[in-house]
Amino acid sequence: SMLSEKEMDRYGENRLLENHMLYGDFPFAIFLGDYKTDTLNSVKVHSHDYCEIEIMLNGSANHFFEESNYPLALGDTFVINKGVKHALTNARELRFYNICFRTDMLAPFMGELMQLPGFRALFAPDNEMLATGKSRLRLLGKELEYAESLCAEILREYSEAQEGFKSAVIARVLLLVVHLSRCYTLEQDVFASNSDRISYVGAYIENHFTADLSIDFLAEKADMS
């Protein structure tokens, strides 16, 4: 169920990037969250002073995001921009990448990035996009594989901290941002007609054949009732 304003006021913590950074002069952090054996079942409502990319690799949860709840499954990807409140509830066997950075890291490339509809939707969404839940993405098949491989490289570079690692991390974050932006645009094109939506659901079932998929869940995936 949706969290009340009282709960949001009570738990509405603003998290600071500096508390997650491994290196004081590099405003960045990455985590591979794995709650398979953990007792964690929820993350309270909070916001950040940074941008956060979440990519689901396994398990399920409910994501409270901008006043709405969304069921999470493999490949679901959210960009939680600075100041946006969100929370996780009912986490089950959850595994995901969490990338935290300030968008000014992308400043030298912002002119071209802002020309990408997918970038504007994910990283600079207007209020209508947030309200209608369109500022999110579902990665399938090779799209997810490539995103996961980039995240693994980012985590390796960040953890090993070899000479030049900051440049290597930024380069891969930029690749990931462009990849997500392109995938977003492709997904919107796929949803141009109902027949395309049905094809999308067919592909989703094929990619998640071991999962317990309800009709309601699949309808939500295709934005159909």
Protein backbone atom coordinates (compact mmCIF):
# COMPACT_ATOMS: atom_id res chain seq x y z
CA SER A 1 0.00 0.00 0.00
CA MET A 2 1.07 3.59 -0.55
CA LEU A 3 3.01 5.16 2.30
CA SER A 4 1.25 7.99 4.12
CA GLU A 5 2.50 11.57 4.32
CA LYS A 6 3.06 10.98 8.04
CA GLU A 7 5.33 8.04 7.28
CA MET A 8 7.15 10.07 4.63
CA ASP A 9 7.73 12.89 7.09
CA ARG A 10 8.94 10.43 9.69
CA TYR A 11 11.30 8.49 7.45
CA GLY A 12 12.10 11.09 4.78
CA GLU A 13 15.85 11.03 5.24
CA ASN A 14 18.08 12.90 2.78
CA ARG A 15 21.14 10.74 2.08
CA LEU A 16 24.47 12.37 1.25
CA LEU A 17 26.86 11.07 -1.38
CA GLU A 18 29.85 11.81 0.84
CA ASN A 19 28.64 9.11 3.24
CA HIS A 20 28.93 6.46 0.50
CA MET A 21 32.17 7.54 -1.19
CA LEU A 22 35.29 5.38 -0.84
CA TYR A 23 37.58 8.15 -2.06
CA GLY A 24 37.14 11.65 -0.65
CA ASP A 25 38.10 13.48 -3.82
CA PHE A 26 35.82 11.43 -6.13
CA PRO A 27 32.05 12.01 -5.68
CA PHE A 28 30.93 8.57 -6.79
CA ALA A 29 29.85 5.21 -5.34
CA ILE A 30 28.67 1.84 -6.65
CA PHE A 31 27.20 -1.13 -4.81
CA LEU A 32 26.10 -4.61 -5.76
CA GLY A 33 23.22 -5.10 -3.37
CA ASP A 34 22.49 -8.75 -2.62
CA TYR A 35 19.74 -9.44 -0.10
CA LYS A 36 19.27 -13.15 -0.77
CA THR A 37 20.54 -14.14 2.66
CA ASP A 38 19.96 -10.82 4.39
CA THR A 39 17.02 -10.09 6.65
CA LEU A 40 16.43 -6.73 4.95
CA ASN A 41 12.89 -6.56 3.63
CA SER A 42 12.48 -2.84 3.08
CA VAL A 43 14.29 0.47 2.68
CA LYS A 44 12.52 3.44 4.28
CA VAL A 45 11.47 6.51 2.32
CA HIS A 46 14.48 8.68 1.57
CA SER A 47 15.92 11.06 -0.99
CA HIS A 48 19.50 11.89 -2.01
CA ASP A 49 21.68 14.86 -2.82
CA TYR A 50 22.87 12.88 -5.86
CA CYS A 51 21.57 10.85 -8.81
CA GLU A 52 21.09 7.10 -8.35
CA ILE A 53 20.72 4.40 -11.01
CA GLU A 54 19.16 1.12 -9.85
CA ILE A 55 19.24 -1.94 -12.13
CA MET A 56 17.44 -5.09 -10.94
CA LEU A 57 19.31 -8.36 -11.53
CA ASN A 58 17.26 -10.82 -9.50
CA GLY A 59 14.32 -11.16 -7.15
CA SER A 60 11.37 -8.85 -6.62
CA ALA A 61 10.23 -5.89 -4.56
CA ASN A 62 7.80 -2.99 -4.59
CA HIS A 63 9.32 0.36 -5.43
CA PHE A 64 7.62 3.43 -3.97
CA PHE A 65 8.59 6.21 -6.36
CA GLU A 66 7.02 9.66 -6.74
CA GLU A 67 3.75 8.83 -4.96
CA SER A 68 3.19 5.48 -6.73
CA ASN A 69 4.10 1.82 -6.21
CA TYR A 70 5.72 -0.28 -8.94
CA PRO A 71 6.48 -4.02 -8.78
CA LEU A 72 10.15 -4.66 -9.52
CA ALA A 73 11.57 -7.66 -11.38
CA LEU A 74 14.58 -8.60 -13.49
CA GLY A 75 15.73 -5.77 -15.75
CA ASP A 76 13.68 -3.00 -14.16
CA THR A 77 15.74 0.17 -14.07
CA PHE A 78 15.05 3.41 -12.24
CA VAL A 79 16.91 6.70 -12.25
CA ILE A 80 16.25 8.44 -8.93
CA ASN A 81 17.23 12.04 -9.40
CA LYS A 82 18.35 14.47 -6.70
CA GLY A 83 15.60 15.23 -4.19
CA VAL A 84 13.17 12.53 -5.39
CA LYS A 85 11.74 10.39 -2.57
CA HIS A 86 11.59 6.63 -2.94
CA ALA A 87 11.54 3.41 -0.92
CA LEU A 88 11.64 -0.38 -1.30
CA THR A 89 9.17 -2.74 0.36
CA ASN A 90 8.54 -6.50 0.26
CA ALA A 91 12.03 -7.27 -1.03
CA ARG A 92 12.50 -10.95 -1.95
CA GLU A 93 15.81 -12.48 -3.09
CA LEU A 94 16.76 -9.00 -4.28
CA ARG A 95 19.98 -8.38 -6.20
CA PHE A 96 20.71 -5.09 -7.95
CA TYR A 97 23.36 -2.59 -8.97
CA ASN A 98 23.19 0.81 -7.35
CA ILE A 99 25.26 3.61 -8.92
CA CYS A 100 25.49 6.98 -7.15
CA PHE A 101 26.94 10.12 -8.74
CA ARG A 102 26.36 13.81 -9.33
CA THR A 103 25.18 14.67 -12.81
CA ASP A 104 27.79 17.41 -13.11
CA MET A 105 30.13 14.46 -13.80
CA LEU A 106 28.44 14.44 -17.21
CA ALA A 107 28.70 18.23 -17.71
CA PRO A 108 31.19 18.12 -20.64
CA PHE A 109 28.77 15.88 -22.57
CA MET A 110 25.48 17.46 -21.49
CA GLY A 111 24.88 19.32 -24.74
CA GLU A 112 24.66 16.10 -26.76
CA LEU A 113 23.04 14.04 -23.97
CA MET A 114 20.14 16.49 -23.65
CA GLN A 115 19.33 15.88 -27.32
CA LEU A 116 18.50 12.24 -26.48
CA PRO A 117 14.78 11.84 -25.61
CA GLY A 118 15.65 8.90 -23.37
CA PHE A 119 18.19 10.95 -21.42
CA ARG A 120 15.71 13.77 -20.87
CA ALA A 121 13.06 11.28 -19.71
CA LEU A 122 15.32 9.45 -17.28
CA PHE A 123 17.76 12.09 -16.04
CA ALA A 124 15.80 15.34 -16.53
CA PRO A 125 12.12 14.30 -16.35
CA ASP A 126 9.32 16.83 -16.13
CA ASN A 127 6.59 16.53 -13.50
CA GLU A 128 4.16 14.85 -15.90
CA MET A 129 6.63 12.08 -16.72
CA LEU A 130 7.23 11.47 -13.02
CA ALA A 131 3.52 11.47 -12.22
CA THR A 132 2.71 8.96 -14.98
CA GLY A 133 5.61 6.65 -14.14
CA LYS A 134 7.28 7.14 -17.51
CA SER A 135 10.65 8.00 -16.00
CA ARG A 136 11.71 4.34 -15.75
CA LEU A 137 12.90 1.56 -17.99
CA ARG A 138 12.82 -2.22 -18.43
CA LEU A 139 15.89 -3.89 -19.87
CA LEU A 140 15.56 -7.25 -21.62
CA GLY A 141 18.01 -9.81 -22.96
CA LYS A 142 21.15 -8.31 -24.48
CA GLU A 143 20.18 -4.82 -23.29
CA LEU A 144 20.40 -6.04 -19.69
CA GLU A 145 23.52 -8.12 -20.32
CA TYR A 146 25.38 -5.09 -21.67
CA ALA A 147 24.23 -2.85 -18.80
CA GLU A 148 25.26 -5.51 -16.27
CA SER A 149 28.68 -5.90 -17.90
CA LEU A 150 29.26 -2.14 -17.75
CA CYS A 151 28.24 -2.08 -14.07
CA ALA A 152 30.63 -4.97 -13.35
CA GLU A 153 33.48 -3.05 -15.02
CA ILE A 154 32.61 0.10 -13.07
CA LEU A 155 32.60 -1.86 -9.80
CA ARG A 156 35.94 -3.51 -10.63
CA GLU A 157 37.62 -0.21 -11.55
CA TYR A 158 36.21 1.52 -8.47
CA SER A 159 37.19 -1.29 -6.10
CA GLU A 160 40.70 -1.86 -7.44
CA ALA A 161 41.44 1.88 -7.76
CA GLN A 162 44.37 1.44 -10.10
CA GLU A 163 46.05 4.43 -11.70
CA GLY A 164 43.56 6.27 -13.90
CA PHE A 165 40.51 4.56 -12.36
CA LYS A 166 38.46 7.76 -12.05
CA SER A 167 38.66 8.40 -15.78
CA ALA A 168 37.85 4.73 -16.44
CA VAL A 169 34.80 4.89 -14.15
CA ILE A 170 33.49 8.12 -15.70
CA ALA A 171 33.94 6.70 -19.22
CA ARG A 172 31.88 3.62 -18.36
CA VAL A 173 29.20 5.60 -16.52
CA LEU A 174 28.85 7.72 -19.66
CA LEU A 175 28.50 4.55 -21.76
CA LEU A 176 25.86 3.26 -19.34
CA VAL A 177 23.91 6.54 -19.40
CA VAL A 178 23.89 6.59 -23.22
CA HIS A 179 22.90 2.90 -23.32
CA LEU A 180 19.97 3.45 -20.93
CA SER A 181 18.88 6.53 -22.87
CA ARG A 182 18.87 4.61 -26.16
CA CYS A 183 17.03 1.65 -24.63
CA TYR A 184 14.38 4.00 -23.25
CA THR A 185 13.70 5.44 -26.70
CA LEU A 186 13.51 1.96 -28.23
CA GLU A 187 11.05 0.85 -25.55
CA GLN A 188 8.78 3.83 -26.24
CA ASP A 189 8.85 2.98 -29.94
CA VAL A 190 7.91 -0.63 -29.13
CA PHE A 191 4.84 0.62 -27.27
CA ALA A 192 3.53 2.50 -30.33
CA SER A 193 0.67 0.01 -30.82
CA ASN A 194 -1.17 -2.68 -28.87
CA SER A 195 0.20 -5.43 -31.10
CA ASP A 196 3.70 -4.20 -30.29
CA ARG A 197 2.87 -4.23 -26.59
CA ILE A 198 1.69 -7.85 -26.86
CA SER A 199 4.93 -8.75 -28.67
CA TYR A 200 6.86 -7.06 -25.87
CA VAL A 201 5.03 -9.13 -23.23
CA GLY A 202 5.77 -12.29 -25.24
CA ALA A 203 9.46 -11.43 -25.24
CA TYR A 204 9.28 -10.63 -21.51
CA ILE A 205 7.76 -14.04 -20.72
CA GLU A 206 10.42 -15.73 -22.84
CA ASN A 207 13.17 -13.92 -20.94
CA HIS A 208 11.58 -14.65 -17.54
CA PHE A 209 10.17 -18.13 -18.10
CA THR A 210 11.21 -19.34 -14.63
CA ALA A 211 9.45 -16.46 -12.85
CA ASP A 212 5.96 -16.49 -11.37
CA LEU A 213 4.24 -13.96 -13.65
CA SER A 214 0.64 -12.92 -12.99
CA ILE A 215 -1.70 -11.45 -15.60
CA ASP A 216 -1.86 -8.19 -13.63
CA PHE A 217 1.94 -8.02 -13.48
CA LEU A 218 2.27 -8.60 -17.25
CA ALA A 219 -0.41 -5.99 -17.96
CA GLU A 220 1.54 -3.49 -15.86
CA LYS A 221 4.69 -4.35 -17.81
CA ALA A 222 2.96 -3.47 -21.07
CA ASP A 223 1.12 -0.43 -19.66
CA MET A 224 -2.18 -2.17 -20.46
CA SER A 225 -5.19 -2.86 -18.25
